Amino acid sequence: MVSLSSSRMFQLFQGHIQPAGQRSRKTRLVTKDGHCNIEFGNVKYGSHFAYLLDFWTTFVEIRWRFVLLLFVASFTGSWFVFSLLWYWIAQSNGDLSGQNRTDGHVQCIDNVNGLTTAFLYSLETQTTIGYGGRALTGHCAGTLALIIIQSLVGVFINCFMCGVILAKISLPKNRAKTVTFSDTAVICLQKGSLCLLIRVANLRKTLLIGSQIYGKLLRTTTTADGETVILDQVDIDFMVDAGKDNLFFVCPLTLYHVINKSSPFYELSADTMPHQDFELVVFLDGTAESTSSSCQVRTSYVPQEIQWGFSFLPIISRTKTGKYHVDFSNFSKSVHVSTPHCAHCFETDSDQKNHNNHNQDHHSSRQKKGIDNLGFQVIDIHDSVDVTKM
């Protein structure tokens, strides 16, 4: 009895973790927030020096924790290295406490009599604090050269670290975080065609100039020679009502891809779509109006995130004060609409309707002869009294 209840509990627990019929999560190449899920293996050791040669890009792309560590280490390390040099000069001149000083001894640096005071003098020199307690006497030529070198090194470190921090703060990918795509894509009828729809919105009022939208379909294919191609890329064209290029991206836009014979989705249907293995990656390129920096926004959709037979809810309305209102609560919401089961079904229905309309027109033309003149007016003609008989 105990074993039966335990097995039953285990089945319920297992079913709660992974319900029956649920597919395992597909590994994405591009995550929903645009990060690329890829790693490089077996890279030659010599190739790592390329990162050192392009040190500026390396420092800009590393994580913030390493930037802060580099910031602290560069300043602290330079202060300590130069403090050793100042300590060595003071020791060579006999300025340290405990050294035998002769009468009339002239110090190179005032109040530097140990390693601690040498470090304080190095910090004050590089940061130009200058409390006034420690200073050069001007009697040693080596101190003049060393203070020039430390000042130049300090300026270089300040410029480099400020540049790295400013570059990381103003990265274009930070602007891309204010552009969002809908969580799912939908397939429905749009302007008399079967289309795949995706929504994109700019969360800032500043525009993205010269925006371009395109897509890539990533899938595993097999060539005629039997070779398996992983991540085979197929171009996907997207359009909007405002055109394909140079979009007026001031309000959310709906992108649509027409599913015709040239589309890779042409052979799919509502039943086969969830069982496919592909990834649709959508790109949006543009230039930020405020900073003039180019940025790219990416997202991806797997078959389980494409809803067949659904349409997005409207989100744009006009208030009583005359302003246009965007309701982002309905940005990714969709509603079920009447949609053909597949692209073949849609074309067959369209051909059948065209054939029926053609037959009706042909039948009507056979019943009546002549041309209807809608501008013709009917006039009643009465029989005349005088009739000429032959």
Protein backbone atom coordinates (compact mmCIF):
# COMPACT_ATOMS: atom_id res chain seq x y z
CA MET A 1 0.00 0.00 0.00
CA VAL A 2 2.86 2.31 0.86
CA SER A 3 4.75 1.41 -2.33
CA LEU A 4 1.64 2.04 -4.44
CA SER A 5 1.09 5.49 -2.98
CA SER A 6 4.77 6.31 -3.34
CA SER A 7 4.78 5.32 -7.00
CA ARG A 8 1.61 7.34 -7.57
CA MET A 9 3.18 10.38 -5.92
CA PHE A 10 6.32 9.97 -8.04
CA GLN A 11 4.22 9.85 -11.21
CA LEU A 12 2.38 13.00 -10.23
CA PHE A 13 5.63 14.74 -9.37
CA GLN A 14 7.20 13.66 -12.63
CA GLY A 15 4.15 14.79 -14.58
CA HIS A 16 4.30 18.14 -12.85
CA ILE A 17 7.90 18.62 -13.88
CA GLN A 18 7.43 17.67 -17.54
CA PRO A 19 3.86 17.13 -18.74
CA ALA A 20 3.15 14.43 -21.26
CA GLY A 21 3.60 15.49 -24.85
CA GLN A 22 5.63 18.59 -23.98
CA ARG A 23 8.58 19.12 -26.26
CA SER A 24 11.99 19.83 -24.83
CA ARG A 25 13.17 23.42 -25.04
CA LYS A 26 14.95 24.11 -28.30
CA THR A 27 18.46 25.48 -28.19
CA ARG A 28 18.47 28.92 -29.78
CA LEU A 29 21.27 30.55 -31.72
CA VAL A 30 19.84 33.98 -30.86
CA THR A 31 18.02 34.50 -27.57
CA LYS A 32 14.89 36.60 -27.24
CA ASP A 33 16.93 39.57 -26.03
CA GLY A 34 19.38 39.32 -28.95
CA HIS A 35 22.40 37.55 -27.46
CA CYS A 36 24.15 34.95 -29.63
CA ASN A 37 24.39 31.50 -28.08
CA ILE A 38 27.65 30.31 -29.60
CA GLU A 39 31.11 29.35 -28.37
CA PHE A 40 34.44 28.88 -30.16
CA GLY A 41 36.51 25.78 -29.58
CA ASN A 42 40.02 24.65 -30.55
CA VAL A 43 41.19 28.17 -31.31
CA LYS A 44 44.93 28.37 -31.89
CA TYR A 45 46.90 29.85 -29.03
CA GLY A 46 48.45 32.43 -31.34
CA SER A 47 45.02 33.79 -32.18
CA HIS A 48 44.64 35.05 -28.61
CA PHE A 49 47.27 37.71 -29.30
CA ALA A 50 44.81 39.28 -31.74
CA TYR A 51 42.74 40.33 -28.72
CA LEU A 52 45.78 42.09 -27.27
CA LEU A 53 46.52 43.88 -30.53
CA ASP A 54 42.92 45.13 -30.62
CA PHE A 55 43.09 46.02 -26.94
CA TRP A 56 40.62 48.94 -27.21
CA THR A 57 37.77 46.74 -28.44
CA THR A 58 38.73 44.10 -25.88
CA PHE A 59 38.49 46.55 -22.98
CA VAL A 60 35.21 48.03 -24.26
CA GLU A 61 33.58 44.61 -24.63
CA ILE A 62 34.62 43.08 -21.29
CA ARG A 63 32.20 43.01 -18.40
CA TRP A 64 31.78 45.90 -16.00
CA ARG A 65 33.28 43.97 -13.10
CA PHE A 66 36.56 43.63 -14.99
CA VAL A 67 36.48 47.28 -16.05
CA LEU A 68 36.15 48.38 -12.41
CA LEU A 69 38.91 45.96 -11.41
CA LEU A 70 41.14 47.37 -14.15
CA PHE A 71 40.29 50.91 -13.02
CA VAL A 72 41.36 50.28 -9.44
CA ALA A 73 44.39 48.17 -10.36
CA SER A 74 45.78 50.66 -12.90
CA PHE A 75 45.75 53.62 -10.52
CA THR A 76 46.81 51.74 -7.41
CA GLY A 77 49.52 49.86 -9.30
CA SER A 78 50.98 53.00 -10.85
CA TRP A 79 51.02 54.74 -7.46
CA PHE A 80 52.85 51.82 -5.88
CA VAL A 81 55.40 51.43 -8.69
CA PHE A 82 56.33 55.11 -8.61
CA SER A 83 56.42 55.05 -4.80
CA LEU A 84 59.19 52.45 -5.05
CA LEU A 85 61.11 54.74 -7.38
CA TRP A 86 60.67 57.71 -5.04
CA TYR A 87 61.74 55.52 -2.13
CA TRP A 88 64.85 54.43 -4.08
CA ILE A 89 65.80 58.06 -4.79
CA ALA A 90 65.31 59.02 -1.15
CA GLN A 91 67.37 56.04 -0.01
CA SER A 92 70.18 56.80 -2.49
CA ASN A 93 70.35 60.36 -1.23
CA GLY A 94 70.24 59.33 2.44
CA ASP A 95 66.90 60.96 3.18
CA LEU A 96 65.32 58.01 5.01
CA SER A 97 64.97 57.96 8.76
CA GLY A 98 67.72 55.94 10.40
CA GLN A 99 70.33 56.81 7.81
CA ASN A 100 73.42 58.72 8.90
CA ARG A 101 73.04 62.27 7.75
CA THR A 102 75.96 64.69 7.68
CA ASP A 103 75.77 68.30 8.59
CA GLY A 104 74.44 70.38 5.73
CA HIS A 105 72.65 67.42 4.16
CA VAL A 106 70.19 68.51 1.43
CA GLN A 107 67.16 66.27 0.86
CA CYS A 108 65.77 65.50 -2.60
CA ILE A 109 62.18 65.31 -1.29
CA ASP A 110 60.95 66.93 1.90
CA ASN A 111 59.22 64.69 4.46
CA VAL A 112 59.79 61.42 2.58
CA ASN A 113 61.55 59.24 5.11
CA GLY A 114 59.96 55.81 4.50
CA LEU A 115 57.94 53.63 2.09
CA THR A 116 54.62 54.89 3.46
CA THR A 117 55.49 58.54 2.96
CA ALA A 118 56.90 57.69 -0.48
CA PHE A 119 53.56 56.11 -1.44
CA LEU A 120 51.69 59.17 -0.17
CA TYR A 121 53.96 61.45 -2.20
CA SER A 122 53.41 59.31 -5.32
CA LEU A 123 49.62 59.48 -4.86
CA GLU A 124 49.70 63.26 -4.31
CA THR A 125 51.86 63.77 -7.37
CA GLN A 126 49.76 61.70 -9.80
CA THR A 127 46.42 63.02 -8.55
CA THR A 128 47.76 66.62 -8.27
CA ILE A 129 46.44 66.89 -4.72
CA GLY A 130 49.51 68.61 -3.21
CA TYR A 131 48.83 68.98 0.50
CA GLY A 132 52.07 70.94 0.87
CA GLY A 133 53.78 68.66 3.39
CA ARG A 134 55.92 66.82 0.81
CA ALA A 135 57.57 68.48 -2.17
CA LEU A 136 60.68 68.39 -4.31
CA THR A 137 63.60 70.52 -3.21
CA GLY A 138 65.02 70.90 -6.70
CA HIS A 139 68.54 69.77 -5.72
CA CYS A 140 68.30 66.35 -7.46
CA ALA A 141 68.10 66.08 -11.26
CA GLY A 142 66.59 62.57 -11.12
CA THR A 143 63.51 63.77 -9.27
CA LEU A 144 62.72 66.26 -12.04
CA ALA A 145 62.74 63.52 -14.71
CA LEU A 146 60.71 61.13 -12.55
CA ILE A 147 57.95 63.63 -11.78
CA ILE A 148 57.58 64.40 -15.51
CA ILE A 149 57.31 60.69 -16.33
CA GLN A 150 54.75 60.05 -13.59
CA SER A 151 52.63 63.03 -14.66
CA LEU A 152 52.53 61.79 -18.27
CA VAL A 153 51.68 58.25 -17.19
CA GLY A 154 48.90 59.56 -14.94
CA VAL A 155 47.40 61.59 -17.78
CA PHE A 156 47.49 58.55 -20.09
CA ILE A 157 45.77 56.33 -17.51
CA ASN A 158 43.10 58.98 -16.86
CA CYS A 159 42.33 59.42 -20.57
CA PHE A 160 42.26 55.69 -21.28
CA MET A 161 40.01 54.73 -18.38
CA CYS A 162 37.63 57.65 -18.97
CA GLY A 163 37.42 56.67 -22.63
CA VAL A 164 36.66 53.03 -21.81
CA ILE A 165 33.94 53.95 -19.31
CA LEU A 166 32.38 56.51 -21.66
CA ALA A 167 32.45 54.03 -24.56
CA LYS A 168 30.76 51.33 -22.47
CA ILE A 169 28.07 53.73 -21.28
CA SER A 170 27.32 54.88 -24.85
CA LEU A 171 27.36 51.47 -26.53
CA PRO A 172 24.74 51.22 -29.30
CA LYS A 173 23.40 47.99 -27.82
CA ASN A 174 22.12 50.00 -24.85
CA ARG A 175 19.92 51.96 -27.28
CA ALA A 176 18.76 48.67 -28.73
CA LYS A 177 17.28 47.70 -25.36
CA THR A 178 14.54 50.30 -25.87
CA VAL A 179 13.37 48.54 -29.06
CA THR A 180 11.22 45.48 -28.43
CA PHE A 181 9.61 42.77 -30.52
CA SER A 182 6.40 40.90 -29.80
CA ASP A 183 6.79 37.69 -27.82
CA THR A 184 5.12 35.63 -30.53
CA ALA A 185 4.51 35.79 -34.26
CA VAL A 186 1.15 35.11 -35.89
CA ILE A 187 -0.02 33.82 -39.27
CA CYS A 188 -3.28 35.14 -40.72
CA LEU A 189 -4.75 36.83 -43.76
CA GLN A 190 -3.40 40.31 -44.40
CA LYS A 191 -4.49 42.39 -47.41
CA GLY A 192 -5.73 39.34 -49.28
CA SER A 193 -2.58 37.26 -48.68
CA LEU A 194 -1.51 34.69 -46.12
CA CYS A 195 1.17 36.45 -44.06
CA LEU A 196 3.40 35.96 -41.05
CA LEU A 197 3.11 39.00 -38.76
CA ILE A 198 5.54 40.35 -36.14
CA ARG A 199 5.26 43.52 -34.09
CA VAL A 200 8.12 45.86 -33.21
CA ALA A 201 8.00 48.99 -31.07
CA ASN A 202 10.34 51.85 -30.24
CA LEU A 203 9.98 52.71 -26.56
CA ARG A 204 11.67 56.10 -26.96
CA LYS A 205 10.20 59.13 -28.69
CA THR A 206 13.50 59.73 -30.50
CA LEU A 207 13.51 58.05 -33.90
CA LEU A 208 15.75 55.43 -35.44
CA ILE A 209 16.83 56.95 -38.74
CA GLY A 210 17.23 54.78 -41.83
CA SER A 211 15.73 51.69 -40.22
CA GLN A 212 15.92 48.44 -42.17
CA ILE A 213 14.20 45.18 -41.25
CA TYR A 214 15.10 41.73 -42.54
CA GLY A 215 15.09 38.15 -41.35
CA LYS A 216 17.04 34.90 -41.55
CA LEU A 217 15.57 31.41 -41.31
CA LEU A 218 18.05 29.04 -39.67
CA ARG A 219 17.49 25.32 -40.19
CA THR A 220 19.35 22.08 -40.79
CA THR A 221 19.18 20.95 -44.41
CA THR A 222 20.52 18.04 -46.44
CA THR A 223 22.00 18.68 -49.86
CA ALA A 224 21.55 16.48 -52.93
CA ASP A 225 24.92 14.89 -52.20
CA GLY A 226 23.75 13.81 -48.75
CA GLU A 227 25.75 16.48 -46.90
CA THR A 228 24.08 17.87 -43.77
CA VAL A 229 24.29 21.65 -43.45
CA ILE A 230 23.74 22.92 -39.91
CA LEU A 231 22.40 26.46 -39.52
CA ASP A 232 21.61 26.88 -43.19
CA GLN A 233 20.46 30.48 -43.67
CA VAL A 234 17.54 31.52 -45.87
CA ASP A 235 16.60 35.16 -46.45
CA ILE A 236 13.18 36.26 -45.20
CA ASP A 237 11.77 39.52 -46.56
CA PHE A 238 9.58 41.66 -44.32
CA MET A 239 7.46 44.62 -45.29
CA VAL A 240 5.34 47.20 -43.50
CA ASP A 241 2.62 49.53 -44.67
CA ALA A 242 5.07 52.42 -44.78
CA GLY A 243 7.53 50.60 -47.05
CA LYS A 244 10.57 48.41 -46.62
CA ASP A 245 13.34 50.95 -46.03
CA ASN A 246 13.54 54.33 -44.26
CA LEU A 247 10.68 53.62 -41.91
CA PHE A 248 8.95 56.31 -39.89
CA PHE A 249 9.49 54.45 -36.65
CA VAL A 250 7.55 56.70 -34.29
CA CYS A 251 4.87 54.18 -33.28
CA PRO A 252 4.73 50.36 -33.17
CA LEU A 253 4.90 48.76 -36.59
CA THR A 254 3.56 45.43 -37.81
CA LEU A 255 5.95 43.52 -40.05
CA TYR A 256 4.51 40.99 -42.44
CA HIS A 257 6.05 38.32 -44.63
CA VAL A 258 3.90 37.09 -47.51
CA ILE A 259 3.73 33.28 -47.61
CA ASN A 260 3.81 32.52 -51.32
CA LYS A 261 5.60 29.97 -53.47
CA SER A 262 8.96 31.66 -52.93
CA SER A 263 8.56 31.60 -49.14
CA PRO A 264 10.16 28.79 -47.08
CA PHE A 265 6.88 28.58 -45.11
CA TYR A 266 4.89 27.67 -48.22
CA GLU A 267 4.91 23.91 -47.58
CA LEU A 268 3.91 24.24 -43.90
CA SER A 269 0.44 24.06 -42.42
CA ALA A 270 -1.25 24.67 -39.10
CA ASP A 271 -0.64 21.04 -38.08
CA THR A 272 2.97 20.68 -39.20
CA MET A 273 4.24 24.07 -38.00
CA PRO A 274 4.74 23.14 -34.28
CA HIS A 275 6.73 20.02 -35.21
CA GLN A 276 9.30 21.78 -37.38
CA ASP A 277 12.89 22.46 -36.36
CA PHE A 278 13.92 25.96 -37.38
CA GLU A 279 14.63 29.38 -35.92
CA LEU A 280 13.44 32.65 -37.40
CA VAL A 281 15.85 35.49 -36.55
CA VAL A 282 14.61 39.05 -37.14
CA PHE A 283 16.99 42.02 -37.40
CA LEU A 284 16.34 45.74 -37.21
CA ASP A 285 19.19 48.11 -38.14
CA GLY A 286 19.03 51.84 -37.59
CA THR A 287 20.84 54.99 -36.50
CA ALA A 288 19.90 56.69 -33.25
CA GLU A 289 18.68 60.24 -33.84
CA SER A 290 20.16 61.65 -30.62
CA THR A 291 23.64 60.06 -30.74
CA SER A 292 24.07 59.27 -34.49
CA SER A 293 25.32 55.80 -33.54
CA SER A 294 24.30 52.71 -35.47
CA CYS A 295 22.59 49.91 -33.57
CA GLN A 296 21.06 46.55 -34.33
CA VAL A 297 18.20 44.82 -32.54
CA ARG A 298 17.77 41.05 -32.81
CA THR A 299 15.28 38.47 -31.66
CA SER A 300 14.26 34.97 -32.68
CA TYR A 301 11.15 32.80 -32.93
CA VAL A 302 10.95 29.02 -32.80
CA PRO A 303 7.97 27.12 -34.29
CA GLN A 304 6.25 26.90 -30.89
CA GLU A 305 6.20 30.73 -30.78
CA ILE A 306 4.41 31.14 -34.13
CA GLN A 307 0.60 31.07 -33.78
CA TRP A 308 -1.29 29.94 -36.86
CA GLY A 309 -4.76 31.46 -37.20
CA PHE A 310 -4.26 34.42 -34.87
CA SER A 311 -4.05 38.18 -35.36
CA PHE A 312 -2.66 40.91 -33.11
CA LEU A 313 -5.02 43.12 -31.14
CA PRO A 314 -5.09 46.83 -32.04
CA ILE A 315 -2.99 49.02 -29.77
CA ILE A 316 -3.15 52.51 -31.31
CA SER A 317 -6.09 54.81 -30.55
CA ARG A 318 -6.80 58.52 -30.43
CA THR A 319 -7.69 60.33 -27.23
CA LYS A 320 -10.25 63.10 -26.82
CA THR A 321 -7.45 65.64 -26.56
CA GLY A 322 -6.19 64.72 -30.03
CA LYS A 323 -3.14 62.70 -28.99
CA TYR A 324 -2.33 59.22 -30.24
CA HIS A 325 -2.30 56.61 -27.49
CA VAL A 326 -0.34 53.32 -27.64
CA ASP A 327 -1.59 50.59 -25.31
CA PHE A 328 1.39 48.30 -24.73
CA SER A 329 -0.69 45.91 -22.64
CA ASN A 330 -1.99 44.45 -25.92
CA PHE A 331 1.37 44.58 -27.68
CA SER A 332 1.91 40.79 -27.77
CA LYS A 333 -1.71 39.71 -27.34
CA SER A 334 -3.51 38.01 -30.21
CA VAL A 335 -7.01 36.82 -31.02
CA HIS A 336 -8.18 33.84 -33.05
CA VAL A 337 -9.30 34.68 -36.59
CA SER A 338 -10.47 32.67 -39.56
CA THR A 339 -7.37 31.54 -41.46
CA PRO A 340 -6.73 28.94 -44.17
CA HIS A 341 -5.17 25.70 -42.98
CA CYS A 342 -2.19 26.04 -45.33
CA ALA A 343 -0.94 28.12 -48.24
CA HIS A 344 -2.12 25.48 -50.71
CA CYS A 345 -5.62 25.67 -49.22
CA PHE A 346 -5.63 29.44 -49.55
CA GLU A 347 -4.58 29.32 -53.20
CA THR A 348 -7.10 26.56 -53.95
CA ASP A 349 -9.92 28.55 -52.36
CA SER A 350 -8.86 31.66 -54.26
CA ASP A 351 -8.76 29.78 -57.57
CA GLN A 352 -12.16 28.22 -56.88
CA LYS A 353 -13.69 31.60 -56.10
CA ASN A 354 -12.19 33.11 -59.21
CA HIS A 355 -13.48 30.16 -61.26
CA ASN A 356 -16.98 30.47 -59.80
CA ASN A 357 -17.02 34.21 -60.45
CA HIS A 358 -15.87 33.60 -63.99
CA ASN A 359 -18.63 31.02 -64.56
CA GLN A 360 -21.24 33.36 -63.15
CA ASP A 361 -20.10 36.16 -65.40
CA HIS A 362 -20.04 33.85 -68.41
CA HIS A 363 -23.53 32.53 -67.63
CA SER A 364 -24.90 36.03 -67.26
CA SER A 365 -23.32 37.07 -70.54
CA ARG A 366 -25.00 34.15 -72.31
CA GLN A 367 -28.45 35.07 -70.95
CA LYS A 368 -28.38 38.70 -71.99
CA LYS A 369 -26.92 40.15 -75.10
CA GLY A 370 -25.70 43.62 -75.69
CA ILE A 371 -24.12 46.13 -73.40
CA ASP A 372 -25.89 47.78 -70.50
CA ASN A 373 -25.72 51.52 -70.80
CA LEU A 374 -26.44 52.86 -67.35
CA GLY A 375 -26.73 56.39 -68.68
CA PHE A 376 -29.54 55.51 -71.07
CA GLN A 377 -32.94 56.97 -70.16
CA VAL A 378 -36.19 55.16 -71.03
CA ILE A 379 -38.71 57.36 -72.82
CA ASP A 380 -42.34 56.33 -73.34
CA ILE A 381 -43.42 56.71 -77.00
CA HIS A 382 -47.20 56.90 -77.63
CA ASP A 383 -48.78 55.51 -80.81
CA SER A 384 -49.28 58.20 -83.43
CA VAL A 385 -52.68 58.67 -85.09
CA ASP A 386 -51.28 59.10 -88.57
CA VAL A 387 -49.88 55.78 -89.65
CA THR A 388 -48.53 55.31 -93.12
CA LYS A 389 -49.47 52.00 -94.58
CA MET A 390 -47.62 50.37 -97.42
